[in-house]
Amino acid sequence: MAESASGLQRHDLVQNVYEHSSDWQEARSVADQLFAYLSDPEVAELLGEANQPGQPSQAVQAILLEKAIKLEFRSEAKGLFTNYPNRRLRPDYFRPVGDTGIILEVERGQTTTNNNDMLDFWKCHICSEASYLFLLVPNELRHNLEMNPKHEYKKVTKRLEAFFRPENYTNVRGLIVFGY
């Protein structure tokens, strides 16, 4: 786990057998660059504004788009799920890495309410072209100003850690959760 001065958090999870693989090392390098960008005080302020009640996840995606493209991600990559009845599934972003790839998903209001974190994990699990998942979620979420905050980052990392115990391994070799 890591935390930046601006409050951005990061939790890396990887299956033991892939911990020293070149694909995971490259994925972590990309994550390091993304973490540095998101930790910039100006970017962190924009993320804070985008994480207000009523804001869609697209507001966070807009902050991320330029950097994601510089990191060689494709936005809304099509054709990754052609072997499935719902061929229209698309990740927010996709980037090849080695013989596999990284799916990058951005969540906000429905992170755990509608189990979108689990949906994103499932998408990566069934995607034949991606074995790594980057998941951006709010550290805290309020649907309105009166409600107590939901601690989404903590909840997501706690639930998804279970998939990185050897007895629970899936096709997702590694996961990096960013809390903004």
Protein backbone atom coordinates (compact mmCIF):
# COMPACT_ATOMS: atom_id res chain seq x y z
CA MET A 1 0.00 0.00 0.00
CA ALA A 2 1.14 3.51 -0.81
CA GLU A 3 -0.30 6.94 -0.15
CA SER A 4 0.74 10.23 -1.69
CA ALA A 5 0.87 13.59 0.06
CA SER A 6 -2.30 14.55 -1.82
CA GLY A 7 -4.22 11.58 -0.37
CA LEU A 8 -4.11 9.28 -3.40
CA GLN A 9 -3.85 5.66 -2.31
CA ARG A 10 -2.59 2.59 -4.13
CA HIS A 11 -2.76 -1.12 -3.35
CA ASP A 12 -0.98 -3.69 -5.56
CA LEU A 13 -2.05 -7.33 -5.65
CA VAL A 14 -0.46 -10.04 -7.79
CA GLN A 15 -0.53 -13.81 -7.99
CA ASN A 16 2.70 -15.25 -6.58
CA VAL A 17 3.75 -16.92 -9.83
CA TYR A 18 3.61 -13.60 -11.75
CA GLU A 19 5.28 -11.40 -9.13
CA HIS A 20 8.61 -11.33 -11.01
CA SER A 21 7.25 -11.60 -14.57
CA SER A 22 8.18 -8.97 -17.14
CA ASP A 23 4.47 -8.30 -17.79
CA TRP A 24 3.84 -7.46 -14.13
CA GLN A 25 6.99 -5.34 -13.96
CA GLU A 26 5.82 -3.36 -17.00
CA ALA A 27 2.30 -3.03 -15.57
CA ARG A 28 3.76 -1.72 -12.30
CA SER A 29 5.91 0.77 -14.22
CA VAL A 30 2.80 2.09 -15.97
CA ALA A 31 1.03 2.21 -12.59
CA ASP A 32 3.95 4.16 -11.10
CA GLN A 33 3.62 6.79 -13.82
CA LEU A 34 -0.15 6.95 -13.38
CA PHE A 35 0.22 7.23 -9.59
CA ALA A 36 2.71 10.09 -9.98
CA TYR A 37 0.32 11.92 -12.31
CA LEU A 38 -2.72 11.43 -10.08
CA SER A 39 -0.68 12.50 -7.03
CA ASP A 40 0.12 15.90 -8.52
CA PRO A 41 -1.62 18.49 -6.28
CA GLU A 42 -3.41 20.14 -9.23
CA VAL A 43 -4.68 16.80 -10.53
CA ALA A 44 -5.66 15.73 -7.00
CA GLU A 45 -7.71 18.92 -6.66
CA LEU A 46 -9.50 18.19 -9.95
CA LEU A 47 -10.21 14.63 -8.77
CA GLY A 48 -11.65 16.02 -5.53
CA GLU A 49 -13.98 18.26 -7.52
CA ALA A 50 -15.01 15.35 -9.76
CA ASN A 51 -15.78 13.21 -6.70
CA GLN A 52 -18.68 15.35 -5.50
CA PRO A 53 -22.30 14.23 -5.19
CA GLY A 54 -24.00 14.02 -8.55
CA GLN A 55 -20.80 13.82 -10.59
CA PRO A 56 -20.46 10.88 -13.03
CA SER A 57 -17.35 8.71 -13.41
CA GLN A 58 -16.88 10.40 -16.80
CA ALA A 59 -15.75 13.52 -14.90
CA VAL A 60 -12.86 11.48 -13.49
CA GLN A 61 -12.20 9.88 -16.88
CA ALA A 62 -11.88 13.34 -18.44
CA ILE A 63 -9.08 14.18 -15.97
CA LEU A 64 -7.36 10.89 -16.77
CA LEU A 65 -7.79 10.77 -20.56
CA GLU A 66 -4.73 12.72 -21.71
CA LYS A 67 -2.37 10.85 -19.37
CA ALA A 68 -3.92 7.49 -20.26
CA ILE A 69 -3.30 8.16 -23.94
CA LYS A 70 0.32 9.15 -23.21
CA LEU A 71 0.67 5.83 -21.37
CA GLU A 72 -0.56 4.08 -24.57
CA PHE A 73 -4.05 3.19 -23.36
CA ARG A 74 -6.89 3.14 -25.87
CA SER A 75 -10.16 4.64 -24.71
CA GLU A 76 -13.24 2.39 -24.82
CA ALA A 77 -11.31 -0.31 -26.72
CA LYS A 78 -13.66 -2.35 -28.88
CA GLY A 79 -13.31 -5.98 -29.92
CA LEU A 80 -11.88 -7.40 -26.68
CA PHE A 81 -14.94 -9.55 -25.98
CA THR A 82 -15.86 -10.90 -29.44
CA ASN A 83 -16.02 -14.48 -28.11
CA TYR A 84 -18.95 -13.66 -25.81
CA PRO A 85 -22.66 -13.11 -26.45
CA ASN A 86 -22.36 -9.54 -25.14
CA ARG A 87 -19.70 -8.42 -27.62
CA ARG A 88 -20.34 -4.78 -26.74
CA LEU A 89 -18.52 -5.03 -23.42
CA ARG A 90 -15.81 -2.40 -23.35
CA PRO A 91 -13.36 -1.33 -20.71
CA ASP A 92 -12.84 2.37 -20.04
CA TYR A 93 -9.25 1.94 -21.26
CA PHE A 94 -7.06 -0.90 -22.53
CA ARG A 95 -3.30 -1.15 -23.07
CA PRO A 96 -1.30 -4.12 -24.36
CA VAL A 97 1.58 -5.26 -22.16
CA GLY A 98 3.80 -8.17 -23.23
CA ASP A 99 1.61 -11.04 -24.40
CA THR A 100 -1.41 -9.75 -22.48
CA GLY A 101 -2.80 -6.36 -21.45
CA ILE A 102 -4.14 -4.00 -18.82
CA ILE A 103 -7.76 -2.97 -18.42
CA LEU A 104 -8.17 0.39 -16.69
CA GLU A 105 -11.59 1.09 -15.17
CA VAL A 106 -12.78 4.29 -13.48
CA GLU A 107 -15.57 4.13 -10.91
CA ARG A 108 -17.36 6.68 -8.81
CA GLY A 109 -21.01 6.53 -7.69
CA GLN A 110 -21.76 2.84 -8.24
CA THR A 111 -18.43 1.37 -7.18
CA THR A 112 -19.85 -1.00 -4.56
CA THR A 113 -23.53 0.00 -4.57
CA ASN A 114 -24.00 -1.82 -7.88
CA ASN A 115 -20.89 -3.99 -7.49
CA ASN A 116 -19.13 -2.30 -10.41
CA ASP A 117 -15.78 -3.22 -8.86
CA MET A 118 -16.76 -6.88 -9.18
CA LEU A 119 -18.06 -6.32 -12.73
CA ASP A 120 -14.72 -4.76 -13.70
CA PHE A 121 -12.85 -7.69 -12.16
CA TRP A 122 -15.11 -10.13 -14.04
CA LYS A 123 -14.50 -8.28 -17.32
CA CYS A 124 -10.76 -8.65 -16.86
CA HIS A 125 -11.22 -12.30 -15.83
CA ILE A 126 -13.01 -13.21 -19.08
CA CYS A 127 -10.94 -10.98 -21.39
CA SER A 128 -8.50 -13.11 -23.37
CA GLU A 129 -6.35 -10.05 -24.12
CA ALA A 130 -5.93 -8.69 -20.57
CA SER A 131 -4.58 -10.25 -17.38
CA TYR A 132 -4.09 -7.07 -15.36
CA LEU A 133 -6.63 -4.63 -13.97
CA PHE A 134 -6.15 -1.05 -12.81
CA LEU A 135 -9.18 0.13 -10.86
CA LEU A 136 -9.68 3.78 -9.85
CA VAL A 137 -12.22 4.23 -7.06
CA PRO A 138 -13.06 7.03 -4.61
CA ASN A 139 -11.41 6.93 -1.20
CA GLU A 140 -14.71 8.19 0.13
CA LEU A 141 -18.05 8.55 -1.63
CA ARG A 142 -21.11 10.60 -0.83
CA HIS A 143 -24.25 10.46 -2.95
CA ASN A 144 -25.47 13.63 -1.23
CA LEU A 145 -23.96 16.15 1.15
CA GLU A 146 -25.93 14.90 4.17
CA MET A 147 -24.84 11.26 4.06
CA ASN A 148 -21.89 9.78 5.90
CA PRO A 149 -19.13 8.88 3.46
CA LYS A 150 -18.82 5.34 2.17
CA HIS A 151 -15.20 4.16 2.33
CA GLU A 152 -15.06 2.69 -1.16
CA TYR A 153 -11.30 2.23 -1.50
CA LYS A 154 -11.10 0.22 1.73
CA LYS A 155 -14.12 -1.88 0.81
CA VAL A 156 -12.89 -2.61 -2.72
CA THR A 157 -9.38 -3.60 -1.64
CA LYS A 158 -10.76 -5.78 1.14
CA ARG A 159 -13.15 -7.66 -1.17
CA LEU A 160 -10.79 -8.08 -4.12
CA GLU A 161 -7.80 -9.19 -2.00
CA ALA A 162 -9.54 -12.56 -1.62
CA PHE A 163 -8.90 -13.31 -5.32
CA PHE A 164 -5.15 -13.12 -4.72
CA ARG A 165 -5.02 -16.01 -2.28
CA PRO A 166 -3.68 -19.08 -4.13
CA GLU A 167 -6.86 -21.07 -3.53
CA ASN A 168 -8.93 -18.33 -5.23
CA TYR A 169 -6.79 -17.42 -8.26
CA THR A 170 -8.59 -16.34 -11.43
CA ASN A 171 -7.37 -15.21 -14.86
CA VAL A 172 -6.59 -11.80 -13.35
CA ARG A 173 -2.86 -12.07 -12.63
CA GLY A 174 -2.54 -8.66 -11.01
CA LEU A 175 -4.67 -5.80 -9.75
CA ILE A 176 -3.77 -2.26 -8.76
CA VAL A 177 -6.43 -0.28 -6.95
CA PHE A 178 -6.02 3.50 -6.89
CA GLY A 179 -8.07 5.46 -4.36
CA TYR A 180 -8.67 9.08 -5.30
